[in-house]
C-alpha atoms as a PDB file:
ATOM      1  CA  MET A   1       5.488 -24.825   9.354  1.00  0.00           C
ATOM      2  CA  ARG A   2       9.210 -24.073   9.197  1.00  0.00           C
ATOM      3  CA  TRP A   3       8.718 -22.482   5.773  1.00  0.00           C
ATOM      4  CA  LEU A   4       6.708 -19.699   7.442  1.00  0.00           C
ATOM      5  CA  ARG A   5       9.733 -18.744   9.519  1.00  0.00           C
ATOM      6  CA  GLN A   6      12.079 -18.214   6.573  1.00  0.00           C
ATOM      7  CA  ARG A   7      13.883 -14.897   6.663  1.00  0.00           C
ATOM      8  CA  GLU A   8      13.201 -14.365   2.951  1.00  0.00           C
ATOM      9  CA  TRP A   9      11.242 -16.195   0.322  1.00  0.00           C
ATOM     10  CA  PRO A  10      12.678 -16.650  -3.144  1.00  0.00           C
ATOM     11  CA  TRP A  11      11.198 -14.136  -5.585  1.00  0.00           C
ATOM     12  CA  TRP A  12       9.622 -16.848  -7.696  1.00  0.00           C
ATOM     13  CA  GLN A  13       7.749 -18.388  -4.744  1.00  0.00           C
ATOM     14  CA  ALA A  14       6.361 -15.058  -3.589  1.00  0.00           C
ATOM     15  CA  GLY A  15       5.480 -14.101  -7.167  1.00  0.00           C
ATOM     16  CA  LEU A  16       3.768 -17.423  -7.809  1.00  0.00           C
ATOM     17  CA  LEU A  17       1.689 -17.169  -4.630  1.00  0.00           C
ATOM     18  CA  LEU A  18       0.744 -13.571  -5.388  1.00  0.00           C
ATOM     19  CA  GLY A  19      -0.278 -14.564  -8.916  1.00  0.00           C
ATOM     20  CA  LEU A  20      -2.425 -17.407  -7.577  1.00  0.00           C
ATOM     21  CA  LEU A  21      -4.020 -15.064  -5.066  1.00  0.00           C
ATOM     22  CA  ASN A  22      -4.743 -12.577  -7.848  1.00  0.00           C
ATOM     23  CA  MET A  23      -6.367 -15.309  -9.955  1.00  0.00           C
ATOM     24  CA  PHE A  24      -8.468 -16.408  -6.983  1.00  0.00           C
ATOM     25  CA  ALA A  25      -9.588 -12.826  -6.362  1.00  0.00           C
ATOM     26  CA  PHE A  26     -10.463 -12.337 -10.010  1.00  0.00           C
ATOM     27  CA  TYR A  27     -12.523 -15.499 -10.258  1.00  0.00           C
ATOM     28  CA  THR A  28     -14.332 -15.027  -6.946  1.00  0.00           C
ATOM     29  CA  ALA A  29     -14.805 -11.234  -6.883  1.00  0.00           C
ATOM     30  CA  ASN A  30     -14.566 -10.559 -10.630  1.00  0.00           C
ATOM     31  CA  TYR A  31     -11.896  -7.967  -9.881  1.00  0.00           C
ATOM     32  CA  TYR A  32      -8.125  -8.090  -9.760  1.00  0.00           C
ATOM     33  CA  LEU A  33      -6.028  -7.181  -6.731  1.00  0.00           C
ATOM     34  CA  SER A  34      -5.319  -3.482  -6.570  1.00  0.00           C
ATOM     35  CA  ILE A  35      -4.951  -0.915  -3.839  1.00  0.00           C
ATOM     36  CA  SER A  36      -4.525   2.501  -5.455  1.00  0.00           C
ATOM     37  CA  THR A  37      -8.284   3.173  -5.476  1.00  0.00           C
ATOM     38  CA  THR A  38      -8.327   2.589  -1.733  1.00  0.00           C
ATOM     39  CA  PHE A  39      -6.197   5.663  -1.144  1.00  0.00           C
ATOM     40  CA  SER A  40      -8.642   7.747  -3.189  1.00  0.00           C
ATOM     41  CA  ARG A  41     -11.495   6.335  -1.137  1.00  0.00           C
ATOM     42  CA  ALA A  42      -9.661   7.080   2.102  1.00  0.00           C
ATOM     43  CA  ALA A  43      -9.163  10.674   0.933  1.00  0.00           C
ATOM     44  CA  GLY A  44     -12.895  10.838   0.217  1.00  0.00           C
ATOM     45  CA  MET A  45     -13.709   9.542   3.711  1.00  0.00           C
ATOM     46  CA  ILE A  46     -11.490  12.183   5.277  1.00  0.00           C
ATOM     47  CA  LEU A  47     -12.973  14.845   3.013  1.00  0.00           C
ATOM     48  CA  GLN A  48     -16.487  13.787   4.051  1.00  0.00           C
ATOM     49  CA  VAL A  49     -15.686  14.861   7.590  1.00  0.00           C
ATOM     50  CA  PHE A  50     -14.714  18.399   6.570  1.00  0.00           C
ATOM     51  CA  ALA A  51     -16.724  19.017   3.374  1.00  0.00           C
ATOM     52  CA  PRO A  52     -19.494  16.428   2.955  1.00  0.00           C
ATOM     53  CA  GLY A  53     -21.264  18.516   0.319  1.00  0.00           C
ATOM     54  CA  HIS A  54     -18.191  18.489  -1.881  1.00  0.00           C
ATOM     55  CA  VAL A  55     -17.952  14.685  -1.751  1.00  0.00           C
ATOM     56  CA  VAL A  56     -21.645  14.287  -2.596  1.00  0.00           C
ATOM     57  CA  ALA A  57     -21.334  16.633  -5.596  1.00  0.00           C
ATOM     58  CA  ASN A  58     -17.976  15.278  -6.815  1.00  0.00           C
ATOM     59  CA  ALA A  59     -18.283  13.238 -10.035  1.00  0.00           C
ATOM     60  CA  TYR A  60     -15.396  10.933  -9.089  1.00  0.00           C
ATOM     61  CA  TYR A  61     -16.873  10.062  -5.703  1.00  0.00           C
ATOM     62  CA  LYS A  62     -20.227   9.386  -7.331  1.00  0.00           C
ATOM     63  CA  MET A  63     -18.501   6.709  -9.406  1.00  0.00           C
ATOM     64  CA  VAL A  64     -16.061   5.480  -6.715  1.00  0.00           C
ATOM     65  CA  LYS A  65     -17.887   5.610  -3.405  1.00  0.00           C
ATOM     66  CA  PRO A  66     -15.708   6.465  -0.383  1.00  0.00           C
ATOM     67  CA  ILE A  67     -16.525   3.287   1.552  1.00  0.00           C
ATOM     68  CA  VAL A  68     -14.670   0.524   3.345  1.00  0.00           C
ATOM     69  CA  ASP A  69     -14.732  -2.423   0.965  1.00  0.00           C
ATOM     70  CA  TRP A  70     -12.631  -5.532   0.391  1.00  0.00           C
ATOM     71  CA  GLN A  71      -9.848  -3.497  -1.250  1.00  0.00           C
ATOM     72  CA  PHE A  72      -9.693  -1.249   1.794  1.00  0.00           C
ATOM     73  CA  MET A  73      -9.393  -4.344   3.981  1.00  0.00           C
ATOM     74  CA  LEU A  74      -6.659  -5.626   1.654  1.00  0.00           C
ATOM     75  CA  VAL A  75      -4.575  -2.525   2.392  1.00  0.00           C
ATOM     76  CA  ILE A  76      -5.010  -3.084   6.126  1.00  0.00           C
ATOM     77  CA  GLY A  77      -4.111  -6.741   5.579  1.00  0.00           C
ATOM     78  CA  VAL A  78      -0.892  -5.768   3.786  1.00  0.00           C
ATOM     79  CA  PHE A  79       0.294  -3.940   6.914  1.00  0.00           C
ATOM     80  CA  ILE A  80      -0.831  -6.723   9.249  1.00  0.00           C
ATOM     81  CA  GLY A  81       0.725  -9.379   6.994  1.00  0.00           C
ATOM     82  CA  ALA A  82       4.045  -7.523   6.835  1.00  0.00           C
ATOM     83  CA  TYR A  83       4.110  -7.251  10.616  1.00  0.00           C
ATOM     84  CA  LEU A  84       3.251 -10.933  11.110  1.00  0.00           C
ATOM     85  CA  SER A  85       5.819 -11.978   8.534  1.00  0.00           C
ATOM     86  CA  ALA A  86       8.516 -10.007  10.307  1.00  0.00           C
ATOM     87  CA  ARG A  87       7.513 -11.494  13.662  1.00  0.00           C
ATOM     88  CA  LEU A  88       7.392 -15.060  12.323  1.00  0.00           C
ATOM     89  CA  SER A  89      10.839 -14.759  10.763  1.00  0.00           C
ATOM     90  CA  ARG A  90      12.186 -13.613  14.128  1.00  0.00           C
ATOM     91  CA  GLU A  91      13.922 -10.768  12.338  1.00  0.00           C
ATOM     92  CA  PHE A  92      11.633  -7.989  13.550  1.00  0.00           C
ATOM     93  CA  LYS A  93      13.608  -4.951  14.554  1.00  0.00           C
ATOM     94  CA  ILE A  94      13.253  -1.252  14.085  1.00  0.00           C
ATOM     95  CA  VAL A  95      16.287   0.250  12.382  1.00  0.00           C
ATOM     96  CA  LEU A  96      16.771   3.958  12.875  1.00  0.00           C
ATOM     97  CA  GLU A  97      19.995   4.232  10.895  1.00  0.00           C
ATOM     98  CA  LEU A  98      20.033   5.562   7.351  1.00  0.00           C
ATOM     99  CA  PRO A  99      21.533   3.406   4.630  1.00  0.00           C
ATOM    100  CA  PRO A 100      24.998   4.618   3.556  1.00  0.00           C
ATOM    101  CA  LEU A 101      23.846   5.119  -0.054  1.00  0.00           C
ATOM    102  CA  TRP A 102      21.056   7.453   1.121  1.00  0.00           C
ATOM    103  CA  GLU A 103      23.426   9.425   3.334  1.00  0.00           C
ATOM    104  CA  SER A 104      25.954   9.879   0.539  1.00  0.00           C
ATOM    105  CA  ARG A 105      23.287  11.063  -1.903  1.00  0.00           C
ATOM    106  CA  PHE A 106      20.837  13.064   0.218  1.00  0.00           C
ATOM    107  CA  GLY A 107      22.482  13.661   3.587  1.00  0.00           C
ATOM    108  CA  THR A 108      20.987  13.095   7.022  1.00  0.00           C
ATOM    109  CA  ARG A 109      18.492  15.946   7.394  1.00  0.00           C
ATOM    110  CA  ALA A 110      15.039  14.765   8.474  1.00  0.00           C
ATOM    111  CA  SER A 111      13.280  17.522   6.528  1.00  0.00           C
ATOM    112  CA  ARG A 112      14.925  16.377   3.294  1.00  0.00           C
ATOM    113  CA  ARG A 113      13.857  12.768   3.983  1.00  0.00           C
ATOM    114  CA  TRP A 114      10.253  13.906   4.522  1.00  0.00           C
ATOM    115  CA  VAL A 115      10.169  15.973   1.342  1.00  0.00           C
ATOM    116  CA  ILE A 116      11.718  13.236  -0.811  1.00  0.00           C
ATOM    117  CA  GLY A 117       9.500  10.571   0.754  1.00  0.00           C
ATOM    118  CA  LEU A 118       6.333  12.598   0.198  1.00  0.00           C
ATOM    119  CA  LEU A 119       7.278  13.493  -3.368  1.00  0.00           C
ATOM    120  CA  GLY A 120       8.117   9.870  -4.121  1.00  0.00           C
ATOM    121  CA  GLY A 121       4.786   8.745  -2.689  1.00  0.00           C
ATOM    122  CA  ILE A 122       2.930  11.354  -4.725  1.00  0.00           C
ATOM    123  CA  PHE A 123       4.664  10.284  -7.939  1.00  0.00           C
ATOM    124  CA  VAL A 124       4.036   6.582  -7.299  1.00  0.00           C
ATOM    125  CA  GLY A 125       0.394   7.248  -6.424  1.00  0.00           C
ATOM    126  CA  PHE A 126      -0.105   9.439  -9.471  1.00  0.00           C
ATOM    127  CA  GLY A 127       1.485   6.828 -11.727  1.00  0.00           C
ATOM    128  CA  ALA A 128      -0.666   4.058 -10.265  1.00  0.00           C
ATOM    129  CA  ARG A 129      -3.857   6.080 -10.703  1.00  0.00           C
ATOM    130  CA  PHE A 130      -2.850   7.223 -14.167  1.00  0.00           C
ATOM    131  CA  ALA A 131      -2.213   3.618 -15.209  1.00  0.00           C
ATOM    132  CA  ASP A 132      -5.547   2.554 -13.651  1.00  0.00           C
ATOM    133  CA  GLY A 133      -3.941   0.628 -10.854  1.00  0.00           C
END
């Protein structure tokens, strides 16, 4: 079990295990691992609270139901797995300092970090949805 406590895994080991997991998911669920649809579903669940009629009439949500499914649980598992991995490696710590490269490029203002982080997340999400996952 010492291998579970490694600080880092080599890229090829992690990639190989992720590829095997993806193959297993495809052959058992007939669907490949993906999480970008989950964020659309989560948005639909939130929207159902405020405008349920809009969700019912929306063509996208008719095709992709805003439900908790195995992909939704996969997203939750990613967060839980990252936390457990950090705890098992005994390297879990919260770092509040900005990397020097970030500071030299963008400065230290929290508002700028929020704007850049949100824009980056929007672009990554848009690209993932545009590429169908």
